[in-house]
C-alpha atoms as a PDB file:
ATOM      1  CA  MET A   1     256.429  90.047 231.775  1.00  0.00           C
ATOM      2  CA  ARG A   2     257.958  87.906 229.024  1.00  0.00           C
ATOM      3  CA  TYR A   3     257.226  88.532 225.357  1.00  0.00           C
ATOM      4  CA  THR A   4     257.715  86.783 222.058  1.00  0.00           C
ATOM      5  CA  VAL A   5     259.586  89.151 219.747  1.00  0.00           C
ATOM      6  CA  THR A   6     258.816  89.110 216.027  1.00  0.00           C
ATOM      7  CA  TRP A   7     259.962  91.335 213.177  1.00  0.00           C
ATOM      8  CA  ASP A   8     257.414  92.208 210.515  1.00  0.00           C
ATOM      9  CA  ARG A   9     258.375  91.540 206.894  1.00  0.00           C
ATOM     10  CA  ASP A  10     259.412  95.106 206.137  1.00  0.00           C
ATOM     11  CA  ALA A  11     261.606  95.303 209.236  1.00  0.00           C
ATOM     12  CA  GLU A  12     263.194  91.938 208.402  1.00  0.00           C
ATOM     13  CA  ALA A  13     263.912  93.137 204.865  1.00  0.00           C
ATOM     14  CA  GLU A  14     265.391  96.393 206.206  1.00  0.00           C
ATOM     15  CA  LEU A  15     267.581  94.477 208.658  1.00  0.00           C
ATOM     16  CA  THR A  16     268.779  92.125 205.924  1.00  0.00           C
ATOM     17  CA  GLN A  17     269.708  95.042 203.686  1.00  0.00           C
ATOM     18  CA  LEU A  18     271.490  96.835 206.520  1.00  0.00           C
ATOM     19  CA  TRP A  19     273.468  93.675 207.242  1.00  0.00           C
ATOM     20  CA  LEU A  20     274.358  93.142 203.579  1.00  0.00           C
ATOM     21  CA  ASP A  21     275.525  96.759 203.198  1.00  0.00           C
ATOM     22  CA  ALA A  22     277.401  96.944 206.500  1.00  0.00           C
ATOM     23  CA  PRO A  23     281.178  96.973 206.681  1.00  0.00           C
ATOM     24  CA  ASP A  24     280.714  95.653 210.242  1.00  0.00           C
ATOM     25  CA  ARG A  25     278.176  92.856 209.877  1.00  0.00           C
ATOM     26  CA  ALA A  26     279.006  91.475 213.308  1.00  0.00           C
ATOM     27  CA  ALA A  27     277.911  94.763 214.912  1.00  0.00           C
ATOM     28  CA  ILE A  28     274.563  94.650 213.087  1.00  0.00           C
ATOM     29  CA  ALA A  29     273.977  91.025 214.100  1.00  0.00           C
ATOM     30  CA  ALA A  30     274.979  91.698 217.715  1.00  0.00           C
ATOM     31  CA  ALA A  31     272.655  94.712 217.939  1.00  0.00           C
ATOM     32  CA  ALA A  32     269.727  92.776 216.430  1.00  0.00           C
ATOM     33  CA  ASN A  33     270.287  89.940 218.913  1.00  0.00           C
ATOM     34  CA  ALA A  34     270.497  92.415 221.800  1.00  0.00           C
ATOM     35  CA  ILE A  35     267.224  94.010 220.661  1.00  0.00           C
ATOM     36  CA  ASP A  36     265.521  90.611 220.683  1.00  0.00           C
ATOM     37  CA  ARG A  37     266.825  89.864 224.187  1.00  0.00           C
ATOM     38  CA  GLU A  38     265.934  93.291 225.574  1.00  0.00           C
ATOM     39  CA  LEU A  39     262.393  93.305 224.175  1.00  0.00           C
ATOM     40  CA  ALA A  40     261.680  89.782 225.405  1.00  0.00           C
ATOM     41  CA  VAL A  41     261.372  91.032 228.998  1.00  0.00           C
ATOM     42  CA  ASP A  42     259.240  93.986 230.106  1.00  0.00           C
ATOM     43  CA  ALA A  43     259.057  95.422 226.579  1.00  0.00           C
ATOM     44  CA  GLU A  44     256.476  97.995 227.642  1.00  0.00           C
ATOM     45  CA  ARG A  45     259.224  99.639 229.726  1.00  0.00           C
ATOM     46  CA  ARG A  46     261.908  99.589 227.022  1.00  0.00           C
ATOM     47  CA  GLY A  47     262.784 102.557 224.880  1.00  0.00           C
ATOM     48  CA  GLU A  48     260.485 105.557 224.746  1.00  0.00           C
ATOM     49  CA  GLU A  49     257.073 106.498 223.388  1.00  0.00           C
ATOM     50  CA  PHE A  50     257.172 107.244 219.659  1.00  0.00           C
ATOM     51  CA  TYR A  51     253.949 108.197 217.845  1.00  0.00           C
ATOM     52  CA  GLY A  52     251.915 105.348 219.317  1.00  0.00           C
ATOM     53  CA  ASP A  53     254.750 102.830 219.074  1.00  0.00           C
ATOM     54  CA  ARG A  54     257.996 102.690 221.032  1.00  0.00           C
ATOM     55  CA  LEU A  55     261.545 103.534 219.962  1.00  0.00           C
ATOM     56  CA  LEU A  56     264.645 101.691 221.121  1.00  0.00           C
ATOM     57  CA  VAL A  57     268.291 102.393 220.291  1.00  0.00           C
ATOM     58  CA  VAL A  58     270.885  99.643 220.459  1.00  0.00           C
ATOM     59  CA  ARG A  59     273.821 101.054 218.539  1.00  0.00           C
ATOM     60  CA  PRO A  60     274.290 100.933 215.662  1.00  0.00           C
ATOM     61  CA  LEU A  61     270.573 100.167 215.202  1.00  0.00           C
ATOM     62  CA  CYS A  62     267.371 101.962 216.064  1.00  0.00           C
ATOM     63  CA  VAL A  63     263.995 100.174 215.994  1.00  0.00           C
ATOM     64  CA  THR A  64     260.367 101.091 216.384  1.00  0.00           C
ATOM     65  CA  PHE A  65     258.171  98.424 217.891  1.00  0.00           C
ATOM     66  CA  ARG A  66     254.660  97.787 219.114  1.00  0.00           C
ATOM     67  CA  VAL A  67     253.825  95.917 222.316  1.00  0.00           C
ATOM     68  CA  LEU A  68     250.702  93.722 222.382  1.00  0.00           C
ATOM     69  CA  PRO A  69     250.414  92.836 226.088  1.00  0.00           C
ATOM     70  CA  ARG A  70     247.306  90.656 225.733  1.00  0.00           C
ATOM     71  CA  ASP A  71     249.188  88.430 223.303  1.00  0.00           C
ATOM     72  CA  ASN A  72     252.582  88.680 225.064  1.00  0.00           C
ATOM     73  CA  LEU A  73     253.915  89.806 221.699  1.00  0.00           C
ATOM     74  CA  VAL A  74     256.310  92.480 220.472  1.00  0.00           C
ATOM     75  CA  ILE A  75     256.396  93.390 216.794  1.00  0.00           C
ATOM     76  CA  VAL A  76     259.458  95.220 215.491  1.00  0.00           C
ATOM     77  CA  ARG A  77     258.060  97.442 212.766  1.00  0.00           C
ATOM     78  CA  GLN A  78     261.022  99.424 211.498  1.00  0.00           C
ATOM     79  CA  VAL A  79     264.797  99.353 211.769  1.00  0.00           C
ATOM     80  CA  SER A  80     267.480 101.790 210.698  1.00  0.00           C
ATOM     81  CA  ARG A  81     271.182 102.252 211.133  1.00  0.00           C
ATOM     82  CA  LEU A  82     272.372 105.210 213.145  1.00  0.00           C
ATOM     83  CA  ALA A  83     275.145 107.427 211.868  1.00  0.00           C
ATOM     84  CA  PRO A  84     278.452 106.844 213.639  1.00  0.00           C
ATOM     85  CA  THR A  85     279.182 109.274 216.454  1.00  0.00           C
END
């Protein structure tokens, strides 16, 4: 199933701040774009269950998101940067 992926205001603000603070802005942008692409198809199967939402890691980012199948919509609710490994 195909989904429209949106980021709520808080997640957008978090992503913007992560990008502004990042020494590797291209990596942040690439991960955010990959998240959008991955969640656009079969989002209900992506990531893992996380307290009623779902959690997806696309290094260096980690997002929580909610899938609304009736609306064919995915809402990214939170984003954070993972520590380097």
